[in-house]
C-alpha atoms as a PDB file:
ATOM      1  CA  MET A   1      56.840 132.729  61.692  1.00  0.00           C
ATOM      2  CA  THR A   2      56.965 129.938  59.149  1.00  0.00           C
ATOM      3  CA  ALA A   3      54.155 127.404  59.276  1.00  0.00           C
ATOM      4  CA  CYS A   4      54.527 124.908  62.107  1.00  0.00           C
ATOM      5  CA  ARG A   5      52.553 122.770  64.538  1.00  0.00           C
ATOM      6  CA  VAL A   6      52.017 123.273  68.242  1.00  0.00           C
ATOM      7  CA  ASP A   7      50.643 120.639  70.621  1.00  0.00           C
ATOM      8  CA  ILE A   8      49.084 122.123  73.766  1.00  0.00           C
ATOM      9  CA  LEU A   9      49.575 119.611  76.588  1.00  0.00           C
ATOM     10  CA  ILE A  10      47.326 119.449  79.660  1.00  0.00           C
ATOM     11  CA  CYS A  11      47.427 116.971  82.540  1.00  0.00           C
ATOM     12  CA  THR A  12      44.246 116.550  84.576  1.00  0.00           C
ATOM     13  CA  PHE A  13      43.302 114.798  87.805  1.00  0.00           C
ATOM     14  CA  ARG A  14      39.678 114.941  89.035  1.00  0.00           C
ATOM     15  CA  ARG A  15      39.382 118.628  88.243  1.00  0.00           C
ATOM     16  CA  PRO A  16      36.242 119.869  86.441  1.00  0.00           C
ATOM     17  CA  ASP A  17      37.991 123.232  85.994  1.00  0.00           C
ATOM     18  CA  VAL A  18      39.668 121.732  82.930  1.00  0.00           C
ATOM     19  CA  VAL A  19      36.501 122.798  81.081  1.00  0.00           C
ATOM     20  CA  ARG A  20      37.377 126.443  81.758  1.00  0.00           C
ATOM     21  CA  THR A  21      40.905 125.791  80.487  1.00  0.00           C
ATOM     22  CA  LEU A  22      39.506 124.462  77.223  1.00  0.00           C
ATOM     23  CA  GLU A  23      37.001 127.317  76.971  1.00  0.00           C
ATOM     24  CA  SER A  24      39.839 129.828  77.200  1.00  0.00           C
ATOM     25  CA  LEU A  25      41.695 127.985  74.445  1.00  0.00           C
ATOM     26  CA  ALA A  26      38.560 128.055  72.295  1.00  0.00           C
ATOM     27  CA  ALA A  27      38.445 131.857  72.704  1.00  0.00           C
ATOM     28  CA  MET A  28      42.132 132.243  71.909  1.00  0.00           C
ATOM     29  CA  GLN A  29      43.246 134.062  68.800  1.00  0.00           C
ATOM     30  CA  GLY A  30      45.291 131.388  67.038  1.00  0.00           C
ATOM     31  CA  PRO A  31      48.569 132.635  65.545  1.00  0.00           C
ATOM     32  CA  ALA A  32      48.579 132.816  61.750  1.00  0.00           C
ATOM     33  CA  GLY A  33      50.169 129.856  60.006  1.00  0.00           C
ATOM     34  CA  ILE A  34      50.126 127.658  63.115  1.00  0.00           C
ATOM     35  CA  THR A  35      48.378 124.294  63.275  1.00  0.00           C
ATOM     36  CA  LEU A  36      47.175 123.466  66.772  1.00  0.00           C
ATOM     37  CA  ARG A  37      46.189 120.317  68.627  1.00  0.00           C
ATOM     38  CA  VAL A  38      45.329 119.742  72.292  1.00  0.00           C
ATOM     39  CA  VAL A  39      46.486 116.625  74.158  1.00  0.00           C
ATOM     40  CA  ILE A  40      44.929 115.889  77.555  1.00  0.00           C
ATOM     41  CA  ALA A  41      46.313 113.157  79.812  1.00  0.00           C
ATOM     42  CA  ASP A  42      43.945 111.965  82.547  1.00  0.00           C
ATOM     43  CA  ASN A  43      45.967 110.816  85.577  1.00  0.00           C
ATOM     44  CA  ASP A  44      43.046 109.345  87.547  1.00  0.00           C
ATOM     45  CA  ASP A  45      42.840 105.600  88.273  1.00  0.00           C
ATOM     46  CA  THR A  46      39.831 105.395  85.971  1.00  0.00           C
ATOM     47  CA  PRO A  47      39.210 107.541  82.858  1.00  0.00           C
ATOM     48  CA  SER A  48      36.994 109.900  84.862  1.00  0.00           C
ATOM     49  CA  ALA A  49      37.648 112.962  82.697  1.00  0.00           C
ATOM     50  CA  ARG A  50      36.914 111.334  79.342  1.00  0.00           C
ATOM     51  CA  ALA A  51      33.297 112.485  79.006  1.00  0.00           C
ATOM     52  CA  VAL A  52      34.059 115.959  80.382  1.00  0.00           C
ATOM     53  CA  VAL A  53      36.903 116.440  77.918  1.00  0.00           C
ATOM     54  CA  GLN A  54      34.980 115.066  74.953  1.00  0.00           C
ATOM     55  CA  ASN A  55      32.007 117.347  75.628  1.00  0.00           C
ATOM     56  CA  ALA A  56      34.185 120.430  76.013  1.00  0.00           C
ATOM     57  CA  ALA A  57      36.256 119.513  72.956  1.00  0.00           C
ATOM     58  CA  ALA A  58      33.211 119.930  70.730  1.00  0.00           C
ATOM     59  CA  ASP A  59      33.571 123.721  71.056  1.00  0.00           C
ATOM     60  CA  LEU A  60      37.238 123.823  70.107  1.00  0.00           C
ATOM     61  CA  PRO A  61      38.303 124.677  66.552  1.00  0.00           C
ATOM     62  CA  TRP A  62      41.228 122.233  66.840  1.00  0.00           C
ATOM     63  CA  PRO A  63      41.446 118.491  67.416  1.00  0.00           C
ATOM     64  CA  VAL A  64      41.673 117.190  70.973  1.00  0.00           C
ATOM     65  CA  ARG A  65      43.306 113.905  71.893  1.00  0.00           C
ATOM     66  CA  TYR A  66      42.367 112.314  75.212  1.00  0.00           C
ATOM     67  CA  VAL A  67      44.868 109.916  76.805  1.00  0.00           C
ATOM     68  CA  HIS A  68      44.258 107.879  79.950  1.00  0.00           C
ATOM     69  CA  ALA A  69      47.546 107.826  81.876  1.00  0.00           C
ATOM     70  CA  PRO A  70      46.958 106.364  85.361  1.00  0.00           C
ATOM     71  CA  ALA A  71      47.587 106.738  88.171  1.00  0.00           C
ATOM     72  CA  ARG A  72      48.185 109.559  90.646  1.00  0.00           C
ATOM     73  CA  ASN A  73      51.680 110.444  89.482  1.00  0.00           C
ATOM     74  CA  ILE A  74      51.894 113.705  87.553  1.00  0.00           C
ATOM     75  CA  SER A  75      55.124 112.654  85.834  1.00  0.00           C
ATOM     76  CA  ILE A  76      53.281 109.718  84.249  1.00  0.00           C
ATOM     77  CA  ALA A  77      50.715 112.107  82.811  1.00  0.00           C
ATOM     78  CA  ARG A  78      53.312 114.632  81.623  1.00  0.00           C
ATOM     79  CA  ASN A  79      55.291 111.863  79.936  1.00  0.00           C
ATOM     80  CA  ALA A  80      52.135 110.535  78.270  1.00  0.00           C
ATOM     81  CA  CYS A  81      51.599 114.001  76.813  1.00  0.00           C
ATOM     82  CA  LEU A  82      55.166 114.108  75.490  1.00  0.00           C
ATOM     83  CA  ASP A  83      54.827 110.596  74.061  1.00  0.00           C
ATOM     84  CA  ALA A  84      51.715 111.713  72.177  1.00  0.00           C
ATOM     85  CA  ALA A  85      53.265 114.987  70.949  1.00  0.00           C
ATOM     86  CA  ASP A  86      54.639 115.102  67.415  1.00  0.00           C
ATOM     87  CA  ALA A  87      54.742 118.864  66.833  1.00  0.00           C
ATOM     88  CA  GLN A  88      57.648 121.258  66.489  1.00  0.00           C
ATOM     89  CA  PHE A  89      56.555 123.017  69.684  1.00  0.00           C
ATOM     90  CA  VAL A  90      54.702 121.870  72.791  1.00  0.00           C
ATOM     91  CA  ALA A  91      53.000 124.193  75.260  1.00  0.00           C
ATOM     92  CA  PHE A  92      52.149 123.046  78.784  1.00  0.00           C
ATOM     93  CA  LEU A  93      49.165 124.300  80.785  1.00  0.00           C
ATOM     94  CA  ASP A  94      47.659 123.102  84.069  1.00  0.00           C
ATOM     95  CA  ASP A  95      44.049 121.974  84.304  1.00  0.00           C
ATOM     96  CA  ASP A  96      43.019 124.795  86.671  1.00  0.00           C
ATOM     97  CA  GLU A  97      44.296 127.625  84.470  1.00  0.00           C
ATOM     98  CA  TRP A  98      42.876 129.854  81.775  1.00  0.00           C
ATOM     99  CA  VAL A  99      44.806 131.963  79.300  1.00  0.00           C
ATOM    100  CA  ALA A 100      44.717 135.354  77.608  1.00  0.00           C
ATOM    101  CA  VAL A 101      43.473 135.481  74.031  1.00  0.00           C
ATOM    102  CA  ASP A 102      46.995 136.243  72.796  1.00  0.00           C
ATOM    103  CA  TRP A 103      48.742 133.780  75.131  1.00  0.00           C
ATOM    104  CA  LEU A 104      50.186 131.458  72.508  1.00  0.00           C
ATOM    105  CA  SER A 105      50.925 134.271  70.042  1.00  0.00           C
ATOM    106  CA  GLN A 106      53.037 136.001  72.686  1.00  0.00           C
ATOM    107  CA  LEU A 107      55.001 132.832  73.495  1.00  0.00           C
ATOM    108  CA  LEU A 108      55.675 132.071  69.841  1.00  0.00           C
ATOM    109  CA  ALA A 109      56.683 135.663  69.103  1.00  0.00           C
ATOM    110  CA  MET A 110      59.201 135.590  71.945  1.00  0.00           C
ATOM    111  CA  ALA A 111      60.607 132.263  70.751  1.00  0.00           C
ATOM    112  CA  ARG A 112      61.025 133.684  67.264  1.00  0.00           C
ATOM    113  CA  ARG A 113      62.555 136.951  68.451  1.00  0.00           C
ATOM    114  CA  THR A 114      65.073 135.427  70.863  1.00  0.00           C
ATOM    115  CA  ARG A 115      65.518 131.944  69.337  1.00  0.00           C
ATOM    116  CA  ALA A 116      64.942 130.563  72.817  1.00  0.00           C
ATOM    117  CA  ASP A 117      64.220 126.863  73.183  1.00  0.00           C
ATOM    118  CA  ALA A 118      61.711 127.389  75.989  1.00  0.00           C
ATOM    119  CA  VAL A 119      59.698 130.474  76.909  1.00  0.00           C
ATOM    120  CA  PHE A 120      58.066 130.758  80.341  1.00  0.00           C
ATOM    121  CA  GLY A 121      55.083 132.948  81.132  1.00  0.00           C
ATOM    122  CA  PRO A 122      53.509 133.936  84.459  1.00  0.00           C
ATOM    123  CA  VAL A 123      50.696 132.091  86.214  1.00  0.00           C
ATOM    124  CA  ILE A 124      48.752 134.749  88.110  1.00  0.00           C
ATOM    125  CA  ALA A 125      46.685 133.876  91.166  1.00  0.00           C
ATOM    126  CA  ALA A 126      42.998 134.865  91.081  1.00  0.00           C
ATOM    127  CA  TYR A 127      41.921 135.407  94.690  1.00  0.00           C
ATOM    128  CA  ASP A 128      38.324 135.628  95.840  1.00  0.00           C
ATOM    129  CA  GLY A 129      37.048 137.685  98.746  1.00  0.00           C
ATOM    130  CA  SER A 130      37.955 135.027 101.326  1.00  0.00           C
ATOM    131  CA  ALA A 131      41.726 135.399 100.840  1.00  0.00           C
ATOM    132  CA  PRO A 132      43.456 136.929 103.897  1.00  0.00           C
ATOM    133  CA  ASP A 133      44.914 140.372 103.304  1.00  0.00           C
ATOM    134  CA  TRP A 134      48.486 139.224 104.012  1.00  0.00           C
ATOM    135  CA  ILE A 135      48.222 136.494 101.361  1.00  0.00           C
ATOM    136  CA  ARG A 136      46.670 138.821  98.817  1.00  0.00           C
ATOM    137  CA  ALA A 137      49.349 141.464  99.458  1.00  0.00           C
ATOM    138  CA  GLY A 138      52.171 138.927  99.206  1.00  0.00           C
ATOM    139  CA  ASP A 139      50.672 137.289  96.090  1.00  0.00           C
ATOM    140  CA  TYR A 140      52.173 134.000  97.300  1.00  0.00           C
ATOM    141  CA  HIS A 141      50.246 131.742  94.925  1.00  0.00           C
ATOM    142  CA  SER A 142      51.340 133.382  91.679  1.00  0.00           C
ATOM    143  CA  SER A 143      54.294 131.964  89.769  1.00  0.00           C
ATOM    144  CA  TYR A 144      56.537 134.396  87.923  1.00  0.00           C
ATOM    145  CA  PRO A 145      59.544 133.196  85.927  1.00  0.00           C
ATOM    146  CA  VAL A 146      62.788 134.588  87.319  1.00  0.00           C
ATOM    147  CA  ARG A 147      66.355 135.255  86.285  1.00  0.00           C
ATOM    148  CA  ARG A 148      69.288 134.424  88.522  1.00  0.00           C
ATOM    149  CA  ASN A 149      72.536 136.164  87.700  1.00  0.00           C
ATOM    150  CA  GLY A 150      70.966 137.308  84.448  1.00  0.00           C
ATOM    151  CA  ARG A 151      69.960 133.802  83.316  1.00  0.00           C
ATOM    152  CA  VAL A 152      66.764 131.763  83.331  1.00  0.00           C
ATOM    153  CA  GLU A 153      67.866 128.506  84.926  1.00  0.00           C
ATOM    154  CA  THR A 154      64.594 126.603  85.086  1.00  0.00           C
ATOM    155  CA  GLY A 155      60.839 127.065  85.224  1.00  0.00           C
ATOM    156  CA  ILE A 156      57.514 125.388  85.834  1.00  0.00           C
ATOM    157  CA  SER A 157      55.197 123.628  83.427  1.00  0.00           C
ATOM    158  CA  GLY A 158      52.123 125.727  84.205  1.00  0.00           C
ATOM    159  CA  ASN A 159      52.818 128.123  81.344  1.00  0.00           C
ATOM    160  CA  VAL A 160      55.634 127.278  78.962  1.00  0.00           C
ATOM    161  CA  LEU A 161      56.376 126.813  75.271  1.00  0.00           C
ATOM    162  CA  LEU A 162      59.119 124.327  74.378  1.00  0.00           C
ATOM    163  CA  ARG A 163      60.790 123.354  71.117  1.00  0.00           C
ATOM    164  CA  TRP A 164      60.096 119.650  70.686  1.00  0.00           C
ATOM    165  CA  GLY A 165      61.147 118.622  67.184  1.00  0.00           C
ATOM    166  CA  GLU A 166      62.859 115.256  66.807  1.00  0.00           C
ATOM    167  CA  ASP A 167      66.120 117.074  66.101  1.00  0.00           C
ATOM    168  CA  MET A 168      66.152 118.633  69.575  1.00  0.00           C
ATOM    169  CA  PRO A 169      68.844 117.097  71.865  1.00  0.00           C
ATOM    170  CA  TRP A 170      66.266 116.715  74.661  1.00  0.00           C
ATOM    171  CA  HIS A 171      63.533 115.032  72.603  1.00  0.00           C
ATOM    172  CA  ALA A 172      63.990 111.745  74.485  1.00  0.00           C
ATOM    173  CA  GLU A 173      63.995 113.379  77.937  1.00  0.00           C
ATOM    174  CA  ARG A 174      61.049 112.704  80.239  1.00  0.00           C
ATOM    175  CA  PHE A 175      59.837 113.806  83.670  1.00  0.00           C
ATOM    176  CA  ASP A 176      61.269 111.992  86.689  1.00  0.00           C
ATOM    177  CA  LEU A 177      58.739 109.445  87.992  1.00  0.00           C
ATOM    178  CA  THR A 178      60.206 109.578  91.509  1.00  0.00           C
ATOM    179  CA  ARG A 179      59.113 113.223  91.764  1.00  0.00           C
ATOM    180  CA  GLY A 180      55.628 112.607  90.403  1.00  0.00           C
ATOM    181  CA  ARG A 181      53.960 112.489  93.834  1.00  0.00           C
ATOM    182  CA  SER A 182      56.055 115.078  95.647  1.00  0.00           C
ATOM    183  CA  GLY A 183      56.086 117.794  92.969  1.00  0.00           C
ATOM    184  CA  GLY A 184      59.036 119.672  91.541  1.00  0.00           C
ATOM    185  CA  GLU A 185      59.290 117.280  88.608  1.00  0.00           C
ATOM    186  CA  ASP A 186      59.013 120.202  86.188  1.00  0.00           C
ATOM    187  CA  THR A 187      61.739 122.232  87.916  1.00  0.00           C
ATOM    188  CA  GLU A 188      64.131 119.276  87.695  1.00  0.00           C
ATOM    189  CA  PHE A 189      63.111 118.562  84.089  1.00  0.00           C
ATOM    190  CA  PHE A 190      63.983 122.060  82.906  1.00  0.00           C
ATOM    191  CA  PHE A 191      67.239 122.068  84.873  1.00  0.00           C
ATOM    192  CA  ARG A 192      68.110 118.918  82.944  1.00  0.00           C
ATOM    193  CA  LEU A 193      67.149 120.444  79.584  1.00  0.00           C
ATOM    194  CA  ARG A 194      69.311 123.458  80.302  1.00  0.00           C
ATOM    195  CA  ARG A 195      72.274 121.171  80.943  1.00  0.00           C
ATOM    196  CA  ALA A 196      71.474 119.576  77.575  1.00  0.00           C
ATOM    197  CA  GLY A 197      71.925 122.966  75.901  1.00  0.00           C
ATOM    198  CA  ALA A 198      68.410 124.471  75.958  1.00  0.00           C
ATOM    199  CA  ARG A 199      68.178 128.258  76.208  1.00  0.00           C
ATOM    200  CA  PHE A 200      65.308 129.803  78.179  1.00  0.00           C
ATOM    201  CA  GLU A 201      63.497 133.119  78.024  1.00  0.00           C
ATOM    202  CA  ILE A 202      60.640 134.877  79.820  1.00  0.00           C
ATOM    203  CA  CYS A 203      57.523 136.425  78.278  1.00  0.00           C
ATOM    204  CA  ASP A 204      55.583 138.428  80.853  1.00  0.00           C
ATOM    205  CA  ALA A 205      52.866 139.178  78.280  1.00  0.00           C
ATOM    206  CA  ALA A 206      51.944 135.485  77.869  1.00  0.00           C
ATOM    207  CA  ARG A 207      49.517 135.444  80.774  1.00  0.00           C
ATOM    208  CA  ALA A 208      47.701 132.570  82.422  1.00  0.00           C
ATOM    209  CA  TRP A 209      45.558 132.676  85.559  1.00  0.00           C
ATOM    210  CA  GLU A 210      44.436 130.157  88.149  1.00  0.00           C
ATOM    211  CA  ASN A 211      41.863 130.222  90.930  1.00  0.00           C
ATOM    212  CA  VAL A 212      43.146 129.683  94.467  1.00  0.00           C
ATOM    213  CA  PRO A 213      40.877 127.261  96.365  1.00  0.00           C
ATOM    214  CA  GLN A 214      40.032 127.811 100.026  1.00  0.00           C
ATOM    215  CA  ALA A 215      42.217 124.891 101.130  1.00  0.00           C
ATOM    216  CA  ARG A 216      45.322 126.738  99.935  1.00  0.00           C
ATOM    217  CA  LEU A 217      44.648 129.993 101.779  1.00  0.00           C
ATOM    218  CA  SER A 218      46.685 129.227 104.890  1.00  0.00           C
ATOM    219  CA  LEU A 219      50.197 129.675 106.215  1.00  0.00           C
ATOM    220  CA  ARG A 220      50.437 125.911 106.691  1.00  0.00           C
ATOM    221  CA  TRP A 221      49.735 125.151 103.030  1.00  0.00           C
ATOM    222  CA  LEU A 222      52.123 127.849 101.837  1.00  0.00           C
ATOM    223  CA  ALA A 223      54.809 126.590 104.234  1.00  0.00           C
ATOM    224  CA  ARG A 224      54.612 123.087 102.765  1.00  0.00           C
ATOM    225  CA  ARG A 225      54.760 124.524  99.267  1.00  0.00           C
ATOM    226  CA  ARG A 226      57.785 126.728  99.939  1.00  0.00           C
ATOM    227  CA  TYR A 227      59.657 123.888 101.622  1.00  0.00           C
ATOM    228  CA  ARG A 228      58.953 121.640  98.635  1.00  0.00           C
ATOM    229  CA  MET A 229      60.032 124.383  96.232  1.00  0.00           C
ATOM    230  CA  GLY A 230      63.338 124.543  98.043  1.00  0.00           C
ATOM    231  CA  GLN A 231      63.787 120.788  97.791  1.00  0.00           C
ATOM    232  CA  SER A 232      63.089 121.032  94.059  1.00  0.00           C
ATOM    233  CA  TYR A 233      65.587 123.847  93.534  1.00  0.00           C
ATOM    234  CA  ALA A 234      68.303 121.647  95.039  1.00  0.00           C
ATOM    235  CA  ALA A 235      68.167 119.699  91.759  1.00  0.00           C
ATOM    236  CA  SER A 236      70.347 122.473  90.335  1.00  0.00           C
ATOM    237  CA  ALA A 237      73.286 120.944  92.229  1.00  0.00           C
ATOM    238  CA  THR A 238      74.406 117.761  90.512  1.00  0.00           C
ATOM    239  CA  THR A 239      77.723 117.032  92.259  1.00  0.00           C
ATOM    240  CA  THR A 240      78.646 116.544  95.901  1.00  0.00           C
ATOM    241  CA  GLY A 241      80.672 119.750  95.886  1.00  0.00           C
ATOM    242  CA  GLN A 242      77.794 121.735  94.413  1.00  0.00           C
ATOM    243  CA  ARG A 243      75.346 120.321  96.968  1.00  0.00           C
ATOM    244  CA  ILE A 244      77.661 121.186  99.848  1.00  0.00           C
ATOM    245  CA  LYS A 245      78.124 124.740  98.598  1.00  0.00           C
ATOM    246  CA  LEU A 246      74.412 125.253  97.939  1.00  0.00           C
ATOM    247  CA  GLY A 247      73.444 123.667 101.256  1.00  0.00           C
ATOM    248  CA  PHE A 248      75.748 125.882 103.334  1.00  0.00           C
ATOM    249  CA  SER A 249      74.537 128.975 101.495  1.00  0.00           C
ATOM    250  CA  ALA A 250      70.895 128.021 102.079  1.00  0.00           C
ATOM    251  CA  PHE A 251      71.595 127.272 105.751  1.00  0.00           C
ATOM    252  CA  GLY A 252      72.959 130.759 106.263  1.00  0.00           C
ATOM    253  CA  LYS A 253      70.008 132.331 104.463  1.00  0.00           C
ATOM    254  CA  ALA A 254      67.560 130.268 106.542  1.00  0.00           C
ATOM    255  CA  GLY A 255      69.209 131.568 109.727  1.00  0.00           C
ATOM    256  CA  PHE A 256      68.953 135.168 108.530  1.00  0.00           C
ATOM    257  CA  CYS A 257      65.269 134.699 107.653  1.00  0.00           C
ATOM    258  CA  THR A 258      64.597 133.215 111.094  1.00  0.00           C
ATOM    259  CA  ALA A 259      66.126 136.251 112.768  1.00  0.00           C
ATOM    260  CA  MET A 260      64.075 138.577 110.595  1.00  0.00           C
ATOM    261  CA  ALA A 261      60.875 136.645 111.368  1.00  0.00           C
ATOM    262  CA  VAL A 262      61.546 137.068 115.090  1.00  0.00           C
ATOM    263  CA  MET A 263      62.156 140.786 114.653  1.00  0.00           C
ATOM    264  CA  ARG A 264      58.927 141.153 112.678  1.00  0.00           C
ATOM    265  CA  ALA A 265      56.887 138.923 115.005  1.00  0.00           C
ATOM    266  CA  PRO A 266      54.265 141.574 115.916  1.00  0.00           C
ATOM    267  CA  ALA A 267      53.484 142.265 112.238  1.00  0.00           C
ATOM    268  CA  ARG A 268      51.667 139.291 110.716  1.00  0.00           C
ATOM    269  CA  ALA A 269      52.412 140.077 107.069  1.00  0.00           C
ATOM    270  CA  GLY A 270      56.121 140.725 107.600  1.00  0.00           C
ATOM    271  CA  ARG A 271      56.562 137.787 109.958  1.00  0.00           C
ATOM    272  CA  ASN A 272      54.909 135.337 107.576  1.00  0.00           C
ATOM    273  CA  ARG A 273      56.897 136.669 104.644  1.00  0.00           C
ATOM    274  CA  TRP A 274      60.182 135.883 106.400  1.00  0.00           C
ATOM    275  CA  ILE A 275      58.913 132.528 107.658  1.00  0.00           C
ATOM    276  CA  LEU A 276      58.090 131.461 104.105  1.00  0.00           C
ATOM    277  CA  ARG A 277      61.409 132.711 102.764  1.00  0.00           C
ATOM    278  CA  GLY A 278      63.204 130.803 105.486  1.00  0.00           C
ATOM    279  CA  LEU A 279      61.312 127.591 104.766  1.00  0.00           C
ATOM    280  CA  LEU A 280      62.303 127.841 101.111  1.00  0.00           C
ATOM    281  CA  HIS A 281      65.970 127.806 102.148  1.00  0.00           C
ATOM    282  CA  VAL A 282      65.368 125.019 104.686  1.00  0.00           C
ATOM    283  CA  GLY A 283      63.889 123.038 101.811  1.00  0.00           C
ATOM    284  CA  VAL A 284      67.042 123.639  99.768  1.00  0.00           C
ATOM    285  CA  CYS A 285      69.079 122.231 102.667  1.00  0.00           C
ATOM    286  CA  ALA A 286      66.805 119.198 102.800  1.00  0.00           C
ATOM    287  CA  GLY A 287      67.146 118.694  99.071  1.00  0.00           C
ATOM    288  CA  CYS A 288      70.929 118.891  99.249  1.00  0.00           C
ATOM    289  CA  LEU A 289      70.817 116.204 101.953  1.00  0.00           C
ATOM    290  CA  SER A 290      68.473 114.083  99.773  1.00  0.00           C
ATOM    291  CA  LEU A 291      65.875 113.929 102.544  1.00  0.00           C
ATOM    292  CA  ARG A 292      62.621 112.225 101.661  1.00  0.00           C
ATOM    293  CA  GLU A 293      60.045 114.451  99.991  1.00  0.00           C
ATOM    294  CA  GLY A 294      56.409 114.498 101.046  1.00  0.00           C
ATOM    295  CA  VAL A 295      53.445 113.422  98.927  1.00  0.00           C
ATOM    296  CA  HIS A 296      51.613 116.457  97.578  1.00  0.00           C
ATOM    297  CA  TYR A 297      49.912 115.084  94.471  1.00  0.00           C
ATOM    298  CA  GLY A 298      47.145 112.547  93.958  1.00  0.00           C
ATOM    299  CA  THR A 299      45.935 112.420  97.561  1.00  0.00           C
ATOM    300  CA  SER A 300      42.667 114.284  97.110  1.00  0.00           C
ATOM    301  CA  THR A 301      40.483 116.038  94.593  1.00  0.00           C
END
């Protein structure tokens, strides 16, 4: 690949794990001919991560720019990262993730091979011994990019490389501030970029991992997440007709999942699997009806 620059963008909010993220970047094998920089946007009310980031940055072979972007709205932080970016590519990571040594090389190689505008990689859940067997077996906390009808429609910002030169039609696009407390701002953002002409690909070899804290190891937490994911997916429907069609389809799927959950009631793993699938479709219905979304970001550490 010809010489170019990549800005690695990380948003953080009261999470010391960002040190592990930076340590994994320090251990990464940088692609030949690529100039790297890390931009970290701190979304706390006060610049609480400044000292942590500056100390960790001393071990990185690339420059690190710290930006204070208050407060408690992830879209504000993501937009601050994009405002600070001036590279041909940007790569988003979350502040509780760590990456494989060839993570960025794999993303760039896929972008070169396919000429895709964005390449999504998996975020793999790292469970400890306290995770219930049904959660571990279902791998509910991992995020794998998917194709629908042979196409990648959208993705999340936990592991993605995006063309970001000033000549890109989406260079002025930013994350929706109204979704910055509920979540799903990244799903909607990439739906919007696709409508602007961006082409997406998947690179399974570009691996990132994240720990799953104890507070997330419950059916209740997963239910809230799946419902919110459904609300976010409803952003794919931009007209009244599309929302009606998507909503009716999701309603039927939710009914089927409910019936399956009842049939599988004695088996915890199977029952919960169908409950979570059903709640995803209920969330799509809620999104199509523009029902208010809950606050999932910025409420705790």
